[in-house]
Amino acid sequence: MPNPDDAAATPRGYRSHAYYLHTQQHHERLKAAWWGTRHTEQPVDVDDLAPSLNALVARLFEAEAARLEAKYNAGEPFPPAPKQARGVDPSATSRQGQTMTDLWSERRGRGTPETR
């Protein structure tokens, strides 16, 4: 059911969320598995079928949330995460910072550290 307080949700309650994966391989592997179970001649359990890749991802998210809640919170949902909660990899942040520093140095005509 749509949340009336969520102005960005569609009438059916859907929202767009972006998740950045380390490699394209994760997405492609899941997509191939989803597609393969829809187009196989082998018998497939109806519980394994998903009408769309989005539906499969939603099911996986729900299952993982339930597993973590059962293991670490007596099966109860955790309180909402704070708005600023992010899964940031410190080494990726450092690389991105260096890339941006180099880019702006180059744009300002100073060159990158390798070219100075």
N, C-alpha and C. Protein backbone atom coordinates (compact mmCIF):
# COMPACT_ATOMS: atom_id res chain seq x y z
N MET A 1 0.85 -1.18 0.00
CA MET A 1 0.00 0.00 0.00
C MET A 1 0.89 1.24 0.00
N PRO A 2 0.61 2.20 -0.85
CA PRO A 2 1.44 3.40 -0.92
C PRO A 2 1.41 4.19 0.38
N ASN A 3 2.53 4.80 0.68
CA ASN A 3 2.63 5.67 1.84
C ASN A 3 2.20 7.06 1.40
N PRO A 4 1.09 7.60 1.96
CA PRO A 4 0.62 8.91 1.51
C PRO A 4 1.62 10.03 1.78
N ASP A 5 2.55 9.80 2.71
CA ASP A 5 3.55 10.82 3.02
C ASP A 5 4.71 10.81 2.03
N ASP A 6 4.74 9.83 1.16
CA ASP A 6 5.85 9.66 0.24
C ASP A 6 5.48 10.23 -1.12
N ALA A 7 5.75 11.50 -1.32
CA ALA A 7 5.34 12.19 -2.55
C ALA A 7 6.05 11.65 -3.78
N ALA A 8 7.23 11.04 -3.61
CA ALA A 8 8.00 10.56 -4.76
C ALA A 8 7.56 9.18 -5.21
N ALA A 9 6.71 8.51 -4.45
CA ALA A 9 6.27 7.17 -4.82
C ALA A 9 5.23 7.24 -5.93
N THR A 10 5.20 6.19 -6.75
CA THR A 10 4.19 6.09 -7.79
C THR A 10 2.85 5.77 -7.13
N PRO A 11 1.75 5.85 -7.88
CA PRO A 11 0.45 5.51 -7.29
C PRO A 11 0.39 4.10 -6.73
N ARG A 12 1.22 3.19 -7.24
CA ARG A 12 1.23 1.82 -6.73
C ARG A 12 2.23 1.63 -5.59
N GLY A 13 2.91 2.71 -5.19
CA GLY A 13 3.81 2.63 -4.05
C GLY A 13 5.26 2.34 -4.39
N TYR A 14 5.61 2.32 -5.67
CA TYR A 14 6.98 2.05 -6.06
C TYR A 14 7.84 3.31 -5.97
N ARG A 15 9.10 3.12 -5.63
CA ARG A 15 10.10 4.19 -5.61
C ARG A 15 11.34 3.69 -6.31
N SER A 16 12.09 4.59 -6.84
CA SER A 16 13.35 4.22 -7.46
C SER A 16 14.48 4.37 -6.43
N HIS A 17 15.31 3.35 -6.34
CA HIS A 17 16.49 3.38 -5.47
C HIS A 17 17.67 2.91 -6.30
N ALA A 18 18.80 3.51 -6.09
CA ALA A 18 20.01 3.11 -6.81
C ALA A 18 20.97 2.43 -5.86
N TYR A 19 21.52 1.33 -6.31
CA TYR A 19 22.55 0.62 -5.57
C TYR A 19 23.71 0.41 -6.52
N TYR A 20 24.88 0.76 -6.06
CA TYR A 20 26.06 0.63 -6.89
C TYR A 20 26.78 -0.64 -6.51
N LEU A 21 26.95 -1.50 -7.49
CA LEU A 21 27.61 -2.78 -7.28
C LEU A 21 29.06 -2.68 -7.74
N HIS A 22 29.90 -3.42 -7.05
CA HIS A 22 31.33 -3.37 -7.36
C HIS A 22 31.61 -3.76 -8.81
N THR A 23 30.91 -4.76 -9.28
CA THR A 23 31.11 -5.17 -10.68
C THR A 23 29.75 -5.41 -11.33
N GLN A 24 29.72 -5.35 -12.62
CA GLN A 24 28.51 -5.64 -13.39
C GLN A 24 28.16 -7.12 -13.27
N GLN A 25 29.14 -7.94 -12.89
CA GLN A 25 28.95 -9.38 -12.81
C GLN A 25 27.80 -9.76 -11.88
N HIS A 26 27.64 -9.06 -10.75
CA HIS A 26 26.58 -9.40 -9.80
C HIS A 26 25.21 -9.22 -10.45
N HIS A 27 25.02 -8.08 -11.09
CA HIS A 27 23.74 -7.80 -11.75
C HIS A 27 23.50 -8.80 -12.88
N GLU A 28 24.49 -9.01 -13.72
CA GLU A 28 24.32 -9.89 -14.87
C GLU A 28 24.04 -11.33 -14.44
N ARG A 29 24.68 -11.78 -13.37
CA ARG A 29 24.47 -13.15 -12.90
C ARG A 29 23.04 -13.33 -12.38
N LEU A 30 22.56 -12.36 -11.58
CA LEU A 30 21.19 -12.46 -11.08
C LEU A 30 20.18 -12.36 -12.22
N LYS A 31 20.43 -11.45 -13.15
CA LYS A 31 19.53 -11.30 -14.29
C LYS A 31 19.47 -12.59 -15.11
N ALA A 32 20.61 -13.21 -15.33
CA ALA A 32 20.66 -14.47 -16.09
C ALA A 32 19.92 -15.58 -15.35
N ALA A 33 20.08 -15.64 -14.02
CA ALA A 33 19.38 -16.67 -13.25
C ALA A 33 17.88 -16.45 -13.29
N TRP A 34 17.46 -15.20 -13.15
CA TRP A 34 16.03 -14.88 -13.23
C TRP A 34 15.48 -15.28 -14.60
N TRP A 35 16.17 -14.87 -15.65
CA TRP A 35 15.71 -15.17 -17.01
C TRP A 35 15.73 -16.67 -17.27
N GLY A 36 16.79 -17.32 -16.81
CA GLY A 36 16.93 -18.76 -17.04
C GLY A 36 15.83 -19.58 -16.40
N THR A 37 15.38 -19.18 -15.21
CA THR A 37 14.31 -19.93 -14.56
C THR A 37 12.96 -19.70 -15.24
N ARG A 38 12.85 -18.62 -15.97
CA ARG A 38 11.61 -18.35 -16.70
C ARG A 38 11.57 -19.10 -18.03
N HIS A 39 12.73 -19.48 -18.54
CA HIS A 39 12.81 -20.05 -19.88
C HIS A 39 13.54 -21.39 -19.89
N THR A 40 13.31 -22.20 -18.88
CA THR A 40 13.93 -23.51 -18.83
C THR A 40 12.88 -24.58 -19.06
N GLU A 41 13.32 -25.71 -19.55
CA GLU A 41 12.39 -26.83 -19.72
C GLU A 41 12.34 -27.68 -18.47
N GLN A 42 13.23 -27.42 -17.53
CA GLN A 42 13.21 -28.15 -16.26
C GLN A 42 12.05 -27.66 -15.40
N PRO A 43 11.51 -28.53 -14.56
CA PRO A 43 10.47 -28.06 -13.65
C PRO A 43 11.07 -27.03 -12.67
N VAL A 44 10.36 -25.95 -12.45
CA VAL A 44 10.80 -24.88 -11.56
C VAL A 44 9.74 -24.70 -10.49
N ASP A 45 10.18 -24.65 -9.22
CA ASP A 45 9.23 -24.38 -8.13
C ASP A 45 8.60 -23.02 -8.34
N VAL A 46 7.30 -22.95 -8.18
CA VAL A 46 6.59 -21.70 -8.39
C VAL A 46 7.13 -20.62 -7.44
N ASP A 47 7.63 -21.00 -6.26
CA ASP A 47 8.19 -20.03 -5.32
C ASP A 47 9.49 -19.41 -5.83
N ASP A 48 10.14 -20.05 -6.79
CA ASP A 48 11.38 -19.52 -7.35
C ASP A 48 11.15 -18.57 -8.52
N LEU A 49 9.94 -18.53 -9.03
CA LEU A 49 9.64 -17.67 -10.18
C LEU A 49 9.32 -16.26 -9.71
N ALA A 50 9.75 -15.31 -10.50
CA ALA A 50 9.43 -13.90 -10.23
C ALA A 50 8.98 -13.29 -11.54
N PRO A 51 7.92 -12.48 -11.54
CA PRO A 51 7.43 -11.91 -12.79
C PRO A 51 8.37 -10.88 -13.40
N SER A 52 9.26 -10.33 -12.58
CA SER A 52 10.21 -9.34 -13.09
C SER A 52 11.49 -9.41 -12.26
N LEU A 53 12.54 -8.84 -12.80
CA LEU A 53 13.79 -8.76 -12.04
C LEU A 53 13.59 -7.92 -10.79
N ASN A 54 12.82 -6.83 -10.90
CA ASN A 54 12.52 -6.01 -9.72
C ASN A 54 11.84 -6.82 -8.63
N ALA A 55 10.89 -7.67 -9.02
CA ALA A 55 10.18 -8.50 -8.05
C ALA A 55 11.14 -9.47 -7.36
N LEU A 56 12.09 -10.02 -8.12
CA LEU A 56 13.08 -10.92 -7.53
C LEU A 56 13.97 -10.18 -6.55
N VAL A 57 14.44 -8.99 -6.92
CA VAL A 57 15.29 -8.20 -6.02
C VAL A 57 14.52 -7.84 -4.75
N ALA A 58 13.27 -7.44 -4.88
CA ALA A 58 12.45 -7.11 -3.71
C ALA A 58 12.32 -8.32 -2.79
N ARG A 59 12.11 -9.49 -3.38
CA ARG A 59 12.00 -10.72 -2.58
C ARG A 59 13.31 -11.01 -1.85
N LEU A 60 14.42 -10.84 -2.54
CA LEU A 60 15.73 -11.07 -1.91
C LEU A 60 15.98 -10.08 -0.78
N PHE A 61 15.62 -8.81 -0.98
CA PHE A 61 15.77 -7.80 0.07
C PHE A 61 14.95 -8.19 1.30
N GLU A 62 13.70 -8.59 1.08
CA GLU A 62 12.83 -8.98 2.19
C GLU A 62 13.40 -10.17 2.94
N ALA A 63 13.88 -11.17 2.20
CA ALA A 63 14.42 -12.37 2.83
C ALA A 63 15.67 -12.04 3.66
N GLU A 64 16.54 -11.20 3.14
CA GLU A 64 17.76 -10.86 3.87
C GLU A 64 17.44 -10.01 5.10
N ALA A 65 16.50 -9.08 4.96
CA ALA A 65 16.09 -8.27 6.12
C ALA A 65 15.51 -9.19 7.21
N ALA A 66 14.67 -10.13 6.81
CA ALA A 66 14.08 -11.06 7.77
C ALA A 66 15.15 -11.93 8.44
N ARG A 67 16.14 -12.36 7.67
CA ARG A 67 17.23 -13.18 8.24
C ARG A 67 18.01 -12.38 9.28
N LEU A 68 18.37 -11.15 8.94
CA LEU A 68 19.13 -10.31 9.88
C LEU A 68 18.30 -9.97 11.12
N GLU A 69 17.02 -9.69 10.92
CA GLU A 69 16.14 -9.41 12.07
C GLU A 69 16.04 -10.61 12.98
N ALA A 70 15.89 -11.81 12.39
CA ALA A 70 15.79 -13.03 13.20
C ALA A 70 17.07 -13.28 13.98
N LYS A 71 18.20 -13.05 13.33
CA LYS A 71 19.48 -13.35 13.96
C LYS A 71 19.90 -12.31 15.00
N TYR A 72 19.62 -11.04 14.74
CA TYR A 72 20.17 -9.99 15.59
C TYR A 72 19.14 -9.13 16.33
N ASN A 73 17.83 -9.36 16.09
CA ASN A 73 16.85 -8.49 16.73
C ASN A 73 15.59 -9.27 17.14
N ALA A 74 15.77 -10.52 17.56
CA ALA A 74 14.68 -11.37 18.04
C ALA A 74 13.51 -11.43 17.04
N GLY A 75 13.82 -11.36 15.76
CA GLY A 75 12.80 -11.48 14.73
C GLY A 75 11.97 -10.22 14.51
N GLU A 76 12.30 -9.17 15.21
CA GLU A 76 11.56 -7.92 15.09
C GLU A 76 12.26 -6.98 14.11
N PRO A 77 11.51 -6.14 13.40
CA PRO A 77 12.16 -5.15 12.52
C PRO A 77 13.03 -4.20 13.33
N PHE A 78 14.14 -3.82 12.76
CA PHE A 78 15.00 -2.82 13.38
C PHE A 78 14.33 -1.45 13.27
N PRO A 79 14.69 -0.51 14.14
CA PRO A 79 14.18 0.85 13.96
C PRO A 79 14.73 1.41 12.65
N PRO A 80 14.05 2.40 12.08
CA PRO A 80 14.53 2.98 10.83
C PRO A 80 15.96 3.51 10.96
N ALA A 81 16.72 3.33 9.89
CA ALA A 81 18.09 3.87 9.85
C ALA A 81 18.00 5.39 9.73
N PRO A 82 18.99 6.11 10.26
CA PRO A 82 18.97 7.56 10.12
C PRO A 82 19.11 7.96 8.65
N LYS A 83 18.60 9.11 8.29
CA LYS A 83 18.63 9.57 6.90
C LYS A 83 20.05 9.62 6.34
N GLN A 84 21.03 9.92 7.18
CA GLN A 84 22.40 10.04 6.70
C GLN A 84 23.12 8.69 6.59
N ALA A 85 22.44 7.59 6.92
CA ALA A 85 23.08 6.26 6.87
C ALA A 85 23.47 5.93 5.44
N ARG A 86 24.72 5.59 5.25
CA ARG A 86 25.24 5.22 3.93
C ARG A 86 26.25 4.08 4.13
N GLY A 87 26.30 3.22 3.17
CA GLY A 87 27.30 2.16 3.17
C GLY A 87 28.48 2.62 2.35
N VAL A 88 29.39 3.32 2.96
CA VAL A 88 30.50 3.92 2.23
C VAL A 88 31.78 3.15 2.52
N ASP A 89 32.49 2.80 1.49
CA ASP A 89 33.77 2.13 1.59
C ASP A 89 34.84 3.21 1.70
N PRO A 90 35.57 3.28 2.83
CA PRO A 90 36.56 4.35 3.01
C PRO A 90 37.61 4.40 1.90
N SER A 91 38.04 3.25 1.40
CA SER A 91 39.05 3.27 0.34
C SER A 91 38.45 3.83 -0.96
N ALA A 92 37.18 3.52 -1.23
CA ALA A 92 36.53 4.06 -2.43
C ALA A 92 36.37 5.57 -2.30
N THR A 93 36.04 6.02 -1.10
CA THR A 93 35.91 7.46 -0.88
C THR A 93 37.23 8.17 -1.12
N SER A 94 38.31 7.57 -0.65
CA SER A 94 39.63 8.14 -0.85
C SER A 94 39.99 8.20 -2.34
N ARG A 95 39.72 7.12 -3.06
CA ARG A 95 40.00 7.09 -4.50
C ARG A 95 39.18 8.14 -5.24
N GLN A 96 37.90 8.24 -4.87
CA GLN A 96 37.04 9.22 -5.52
C GLN A 96 37.54 10.64 -5.22
N GLY A 97 37.95 10.88 -3.98
CA GLY A 97 38.47 12.20 -3.63
C GLY A 97 39.71 12.54 -4.43
N GLN A 98 40.61 11.58 -4.59
CA GLN A 98 41.83 11.82 -5.36
C GLN A 98 41.51 12.05 -6.83
N THR A 99 40.57 11.28 -7.36
CA THR A 99 40.15 11.46 -8.75
C THR A 99 39.60 12.85 -8.97
N MET A 100 38.75 13.32 -8.04
CA MET A 100 38.17 14.65 -8.19
C MET A 100 39.24 15.74 -8.04
N THR A 101 40.18 15.55 -7.12
CA THR A 101 41.28 16.51 -6.96
C THR A 101 42.08 16.60 -8.25
N ASP A 102 42.41 15.46 -8.83
CA ASP A 102 43.17 15.43 -10.08
C ASP A 102 42.38 16.08 -11.22
N LEU A 103 41.08 15.78 -11.29
CA LEU A 103 40.25 16.35 -12.33
C LEU A 103 40.22 17.88 -12.23
N TRP A 104 40.01 18.41 -11.04
CA TRP A 104 39.94 19.86 -10.88
C TRP A 104 41.30 20.51 -11.09
N SER A 105 42.37 19.85 -10.70
CA SER A 105 43.71 20.39 -10.97
C SER A 105 43.94 20.47 -12.47
N GLU A 106 43.53 19.44 -13.18
CA GLU A 106 43.70 19.43 -14.63
C GLU A 106 42.86 20.53 -15.28
N ARG A 107 41.63 20.69 -14.81
CA ARG A 107 40.76 21.73 -15.38
C ARG A 107 41.30 23.14 -15.09
N ARG A 108 41.97 23.29 -13.99
CA ARG A 108 42.54 24.61 -13.65
C ARG A 108 43.89 24.83 -14.32
N GLY A 109 44.33 23.86 -15.10
CA GLY A 109 45.58 24.01 -15.83
C GLY A 109 46.82 23.66 -15.03
N ARG A 110 46.62 23.05 -13.89
CA ARG A 110 47.79 22.70 -13.07
C ARG A 110 48.30 21.30 -13.37
N GLY A 111 47.54 20.53 -14.09
CA GLY A 111 47.95 19.16 -14.38
C GLY A 111 47.72 18.25 -13.17
N THR A 112 47.82 16.96 -13.39
CA THR A 112 47.68 16.00 -12.30
C THR A 112 49.04 15.81 -11.66
N PRO A 113 49.10 15.24 -10.46
CA PRO A 113 50.40 15.04 -9.82
C PRO A 113 51.40 14.29 -10.70
N GLU A 114 50.90 13.40 -11.56
CA GLU A 114 51.81 12.63 -12.43
C GLU A 114 52.42 13.52 -13.52
N THR A 115 51.74 14.62 -13.89
CA THR A 115 52.23 15.44 -15.00
C THR A 115 52.94 16.69 -14.54
N ARG A 116 53.03 16.94 -13.25
CA ARG A 116 53.71 18.13 -12.75
C ARG A 116 55.20 17.91 -12.66
